[in-house]
């Protein structure tokens, strides 16, 4: 039998042409990434320099830092107000309900305020808002109690919803096209001072709103429950908290109730919190005066 031999296909060889730039990039990915990072960093630096040359940039930046003193009210609401209410009026006070007056006011009021102030220039609304927010701590200074704290939150919120949205509008009007977000970030540059204000508020809290650890348990609750201790030779009563016994004994002849606040703690040193609220108001007034 005859076997038929199969013919192989004919292949033609071609020379591949390489792109030397592409070859260099593909063979050195580390160098490529470092080059792109350097170029990206250079572009950012060039953009920042170009923005700093704009007069409107400095207007926005200066206003942000000048309004720094008035936003101390927000820090006081978060750091100083809760311990102020709890130490002086007890754990049963709705502390965070009072504090949330500002939150809910800023969620509900801006559309109504915007509708009522349409057609007016920005700073015709900004300045009254700054003044309202600046003088709002005087209500707690004159009446350092729960009612004064509520009025402070209400007046502060009204001032905030007047000036804060209008500053956003003003900033957007000054920003070049496409750089609105960057200008908003410049307005918030005062946030770099946040750690300093937190430290100042802590110092003020310790000075004008002192704590009473002797009348609390290890968890921070007041030892406000009376327990008769018949084993005590001095016929004293022991105060306990809701969680544990406290090392607090009261003379049965002098005091019949255990402390529910720091004001009732026998070892507590009285302080005047009104001083802090007056200082906060003076600091806030500096903002509308300088603007």
Protein backbone atom coordinates (compact mmCIF):
# COMPACT_ATOMS: atom_id res chain seq x y z
CA UNK A 1 0.00 0.00 0.00
CA UNK A 2 1.12 3.47 -0.76
CA UNK A 3 1.08 6.06 2.13
CA UNK A 4 0.44 9.62 1.21
CA UNK A 5 2.77 12.13 2.86
CA UNK A 6 1.10 15.23 4.26
CA UNK A 7 2.63 18.55 3.35
CA UNK A 8 3.48 20.93 6.19
CA UNK A 9 2.14 24.50 6.12
CA UNK A 10 4.50 27.16 4.99
CA UNK A 11 5.37 29.71 7.73
CA UNK A 12 6.86 33.07 7.04
CA UNK A 13 9.02 34.77 9.62
CA UNK A 14 8.48 38.46 10.33
CA UNK A 15 10.60 40.69 12.45
CA UNK A 16 8.75 42.26 15.39
CA UNK A 17 9.10 45.99 15.80
CA UNK A 18 9.42 47.18 19.40
CA UNK A 19 8.48 50.54 20.85
CA UNK A 20 11.47 51.44 22.97
CA UNK A 21 9.46 53.76 25.26
CA UNK A 22 6.87 51.09 25.88
CA UNK A 23 9.56 48.51 26.43
CA UNK A 24 11.29 50.68 29.01
CA UNK A 25 8.07 51.31 30.89
CA UNK A 26 7.03 47.67 30.88
CA UNK A 27 10.39 46.40 32.03
CA UNK A 28 10.69 48.88 34.93
CA UNK A 29 7.29 49.27 36.66
CA UNK A 30 8.91 50.67 39.79
CA UNK A 31 10.55 53.48 37.91
CA UNK A 32 7.33 54.17 36.04
CA UNK A 33 5.28 54.44 39.22
CA UNK A 34 7.84 56.67 40.91
CA UNK A 35 7.90 58.96 37.88
CA UNK A 36 4.12 59.24 37.83
CA UNK A 37 4.07 59.98 41.56
CA UNK A 38 6.64 62.73 41.17
CA UNK A 39 4.74 64.27 38.28
CA UNK A 40 1.49 64.09 40.26
CA UNK A 41 3.12 65.74 43.26
CA UNK A 42 4.55 68.48 41.07
CA UNK A 43 1.12 69.14 39.57
CA UNK A 44 -0.40 69.43 43.06
CA UNK A 45 2.31 71.89 44.15
CA UNK A 46 1.81 73.97 41.02
CA UNK A 47 -1.94 74.01 41.59
CA UNK A 48 -1.56 75.07 45.23
CA UNK A 49 0.80 77.89 44.25
CA UNK A 50 -1.65 79.06 41.60
CA UNK A 51 -4.51 79.05 44.12
CA UNK A 52 -2.51 80.97 46.71
CA UNK A 53 -1.91 83.71 44.14
CA UNK A 54 -5.65 84.38 43.99
CA UNK A 55 -6.97 87.22 46.15
CA UNK A 56 -10.23 85.36 46.82
CA UNK A 57 -8.30 82.48 48.33
CA UNK A 58 -6.92 84.72 51.05
CA UNK A 59 -10.33 86.26 51.67
CA UNK A 60 -11.81 82.84 52.32
CA UNK A 61 -8.82 81.71 54.39
CA UNK A 62 -8.81 84.82 56.57
CA UNK A 63 -12.54 84.57 57.24
CA UNK A 64 -12.13 80.93 58.24
CA UNK A 65 -9.57 81.79 60.89
CA UNK A 66 -11.39 84.94 62.05
CA UNK A 67 -14.52 82.87 62.68
CA UNK A 68 -12.49 80.42 64.74
CA UNK A 69 -13.49 82.00 68.06
CA UNK A 70 -17.20 81.75 67.39
CA UNK A 71 -17.12 78.06 66.55
CA UNK A 72 -15.82 77.49 70.07
CA UNK A 73 -19.52 77.28 70.93
CA UNK A 74 -19.66 73.95 69.08
CA UNK A 75 -16.69 72.66 71.05
CA UNK A 76 -18.24 73.83 74.33
CA UNK A 77 -21.50 72.09 73.41
CA UNK A 78 -19.67 68.80 72.91
CA UNK A 79 -17.02 68.91 75.65
CA UNK A 80 -18.16 71.30 78.40
CA UNK A 81 -21.96 71.09 78.39
CA UNK A 82 -22.49 67.35 79.17
CA UNK A 83 -20.30 67.27 82.32
CA UNK A 84 -21.67 70.68 83.37
CA UNK A 85 -25.23 69.33 83.41
CA UNK A 86 -24.35 65.94 84.83
CA UNK A 87 -22.16 67.16 87.68
CA UNK A 88 -24.53 69.90 88.82
CA UNK A 89 -27.95 68.41 88.14
CA UNK A 90 -27.46 64.66 88.24
CA UNK A 91 -27.54 61.71 85.91
CA UNK A 92 -31.29 61.86 85.34
CA UNK A 93 -31.07 65.10 83.35
CA UNK A 94 -31.66 64.49 79.59
CA UNK A 95 -28.21 65.76 78.72
CA UNK A 96 -28.00 64.61 75.13
CA UNK A 97 -31.57 65.63 74.39
CA UNK A 98 -30.60 69.18 75.35
CA UNK A 99 -27.42 68.91 73.32
CA UNK A 100 -29.33 67.66 70.26
CA UNK A 101 -31.38 70.88 70.06
CA UNK A 102 -28.61 72.27 67.88
CA UNK A 103 -28.50 69.16 65.69
CA UNK A 104 -32.21 69.03 64.96
CA UNK A 105 -32.39 72.79 64.51
CA UNK A 106 -29.65 72.66 61.87
CA UNK A 107 -31.51 69.85 60.08
CA UNK A 108 -34.95 71.49 60.06
CA UNK A 109 -34.48 75.27 59.97
CA UNK A 110 -32.14 75.99 57.01
CA UNK A 111 -34.79 75.57 54.25
CA UNK A 112 -37.18 77.95 56.03
CA UNK A 113 -34.46 80.49 56.77
CA UNK A 114 -33.27 80.28 53.17
CA UNK A 115 -36.78 80.92 51.87
CA UNK A 116 -37.26 83.92 54.17
CA UNK A 117 -33.91 85.51 53.32
CA UNK A 118 -33.92 85.00 49.56
CA UNK A 119 -32.81 88.08 47.64
CA UNK A 120 -30.60 89.50 50.36
CA UNK A 121 -26.84 89.75 50.10
CA UNK A 122 -24.83 87.12 51.91
CA UNK A 123 -23.28 89.32 54.58
CA UNK A 124 -26.62 90.98 55.34
CA UNK A 125 -27.56 87.60 56.80
CA UNK A 126 -24.12 86.47 57.96
CA UNK A 127 -23.46 89.34 60.37
CA UNK A 128 -26.72 89.05 62.40
CA UNK A 129 -26.14 85.32 62.59
CA UNK A 130 -22.60 85.80 63.87
CA UNK A 131 -23.77 88.23 66.54
CA UNK A 132 -26.57 85.94 67.71
CA UNK A 133 -24.25 82.99 68.03
CA UNK A 134 -21.58 85.12 69.72
CA UNK A 135 -23.82 86.42 72.51
CA UNK A 136 -25.75 83.18 73.05
CA UNK A 137 -23.58 81.93 76.00
CA UNK A 138 -24.78 84.86 78.11
CA UNK A 139 -27.99 82.95 78.85
CA UNK A 140 -26.05 80.18 80.61
CA UNK A 141 -23.81 82.74 82.30
CA UNK A 142 -26.79 84.56 83.79
CA UNK A 143 -28.70 81.38 84.54
CA UNK A 144 -26.32 78.41 84.92
CA UNK A 145 -29.00 75.74 84.98
CA UNK A 146 -30.93 73.45 82.62
CA UNK A 147 -33.19 76.24 81.37
CA UNK A 148 -30.24 78.50 80.57
CA UNK A 149 -28.53 75.68 78.67
CA UNK A 150 -31.66 75.08 76.57
CA UNK A 151 -32.00 78.78 75.70
CA UNK A 152 -28.31 78.88 74.77
CA UNK A 153 -28.75 75.95 72.41
CA UNK A 154 -31.79 77.55 70.76
CA UNK A 155 -30.21 81.00 70.25
CA UNK A 156 -26.93 79.45 69.08
CA UNK A 157 -28.81 77.32 66.55
CA UNK A 158 -30.73 80.30 65.15
CA UNK A 159 -27.49 82.21 64.69
CA UNK A 160 -25.80 79.22 63.07
CA UNK A 161 -28.53 78.59 60.50
CA UNK A 162 -28.31 82.26 59.53
CA UNK A 163 -24.57 82.58 58.90
CA UNK A 164 -23.27 79.09 58.14
CA UNK A 165 -25.26 78.33 54.93
CA UNK A 166 -24.64 81.84 53.61
CA UNK A 167 -20.90 81.44 54.08
CA UNK A 168 -21.06 78.36 51.85
CA UNK A 169 -22.87 80.42 49.23
CA UNK A 170 -20.34 83.25 49.54
CA UNK A 171 -17.40 80.86 49.25
CA UNK A 172 -18.86 79.24 46.14
CA UNK A 173 -19.31 82.66 44.51
CA UNK A 174 -15.63 83.50 45.05
CA UNK A 175 -14.26 80.18 43.83
CA UNK A 176 -13.07 79.79 40.22
CA UNK A 177 -15.08 77.40 38.10
CA UNK A 178 -14.28 73.84 39.05
CA UNK A 179 -12.53 74.76 42.31
CA UNK A 180 -15.57 75.13 44.57
CA UNK A 181 -14.75 72.04 46.62
CA UNK A 182 -11.20 73.20 47.15
CA UNK A 183 -12.40 76.57 48.41
CA UNK A 184 -14.76 74.83 50.84
CA UNK A 185 -11.76 72.94 52.18
CA UNK A 186 -9.87 76.22 52.60
CA UNK A 187 -12.77 77.60 54.65
CA UNK A 188 -12.39 74.66 57.02
CA UNK A 189 -8.65 75.17 57.43
CA UNK A 190 -9.31 76.38 60.97
CA UNK A 191 -9.88 72.72 61.90
CA UNK A 192 -6.12 72.38 62.37
CA UNK A 193 -6.61 74.29 65.63
CA UNK A 194 -9.08 71.68 66.87
CA UNK A 195 -6.68 69.85 69.22
CA UNK A 196 -5.77 73.15 70.85
CA UNK A 197 -9.41 74.04 71.51
CA UNK A 198 -10.09 70.58 72.92
CA UNK A 199 -7.20 70.98 75.35
CA UNK A 200 -8.41 74.47 76.36
CA UNK A 201 -11.95 73.18 76.95
CA UNK A 202 -10.59 70.38 79.11
CA UNK A 203 -8.62 72.85 81.20
CA UNK A 204 -11.64 75.13 81.58
CA UNK A 205 -13.81 72.19 82.52
CA UNK A 206 -11.39 71.18 85.24
CA UNK A 207 -11.17 74.73 86.60
CA UNK A 208 -14.76 76.01 86.42
CA UNK A 209 -16.70 72.73 86.53
CA UNK A 210 -14.78 70.48 88.89
CA UNK A 211 -15.70 66.85 89.38
CA UNK A 212 -16.41 65.02 92.65
CA UNK A 213 -14.79 61.57 92.40
CA UNK A 214 -15.19 60.99 96.16
CA UNK A 215 -18.95 60.75 95.70
CA UNK A 216 -18.86 58.38 92.72
CA UNK A 217 -18.13 54.74 92.18
CA UNK A 218 -15.35 53.48 89.92
CA UNK A 219 -17.72 53.64 86.91
CA UNK A 220 -18.55 57.32 87.43
CA UNK A 221 -22.06 56.89 88.85
CA UNK A 222 -23.13 58.89 91.89
CA UNK A 223 -23.34 57.05 95.20
CA UNK A 224 -26.89 58.23 95.77
CA UNK A 225 -28.53 55.31 97.59
CA UNK A 226 -28.59 55.19 101.40
CA UNK A 227 -27.75 51.91 103.12
CA UNK A 228 -27.81 51.62 106.93
CA UNK A 229 -24.63 50.05 108.21
CA UNK A 230 -25.39 48.68 111.67
CA UNK A 231 -21.85 47.39 112.08
CA UNK A 232 -20.43 50.89 112.02
CA UNK A 233 -19.52 52.10 115.50
CA UNK A 234 -20.18 55.74 114.61
CA UNK A 235 -23.76 54.97 113.57
CA UNK A 236 -23.06 56.34 110.06
CA UNK A 237 -24.92 55.58 106.86
CA UNK A 238 -23.18 54.22 103.79
CA UNK A 239 -23.85 55.48 100.29
CA UNK A 240 -23.88 53.05 97.39
CA UNK A 241 -24.47 53.38 93.68
CA UNK A 242 -26.64 51.30 91.38
CA UNK A 243 -23.67 49.03 90.64
CA UNK A 244 -21.48 48.75 93.70
CA UNK A 245 -20.78 49.92 97.22
CA UNK A 246 -18.92 53.18 97.66
CA UNK A 247 -16.40 54.15 100.26
CA UNK A 248 -18.60 57.03 101.35
CA UNK A 249 -20.03 57.24 104.85
CA UNK A 250 -22.16 60.10 106.14
CA UNK A 251 -22.81 61.17 109.69
CA UNK A 252 -26.34 60.14 110.54
CA UNK A 253 -26.87 63.31 112.54
CA UNK A 254 -25.67 65.77 109.90
CA UNK A 255 -26.86 64.46 106.54
CA UNK A 256 -29.64 62.00 105.82
CA UNK A 257 -29.39 61.72 102.02
CA UNK A 258 -26.59 60.60 99.75
CA UNK A 259 -25.35 63.00 97.05
CA UNK A 260 -27.06 62.86 93.67
CA UNK A 261 -24.96 65.72 92.27
CA UNK A 262 -21.58 67.24 92.94
CA UNK A 263 -23.34 70.16 94.64
CA UNK A 264 -24.48 67.74 97.36
CA UNK A 265 -21.09 66.06 97.79
CA UNK A 266 -19.65 67.02 101.20
CA UNK A 267 -16.04 67.10 99.94
CA UNK A 268 -16.72 69.01 96.71
CA UNK A 269 -15.08 72.43 96.31
CA UNK A 270 -17.62 74.91 94.79
CA UNK A 271 -16.77 76.65 91.54
CA UNK A 272 -18.48 79.33 89.48
CA UNK A 273 -19.31 78.05 85.96
CA UNK A 274 -20.66 81.46 84.90
CA UNK A 275 -17.07 82.65 84.48
CA UNK A 276 -16.52 80.13 81.71
CA UNK A 277 -19.66 81.14 79.83
CA UNK A 278 -18.73 84.82 80.05
CA UNK A 279 -15.28 84.02 78.65
CA UNK A 280 -16.88 82.02 75.85
CA UNK A 281 -19.14 84.95 74.97
CA UNK A 282 -16.22 87.41 74.92
CA UNK A 283 -14.23 85.10 72.66
CA UNK A 284 -17.22 84.71 70.32
CA UNK A 285 -17.80 88.46 70.05
CA UNK A 286 -14.28 88.82 68.63
CA UNK A 287 -15.44 87.08 65.43
CA UNK A 288 -18.13 89.55 64.23
CA UNK A 289 -16.01 92.49 65.39
CA UNK A 290 -13.02 91.36 63.31
CA UNK A 291 -15.08 90.38 60.26
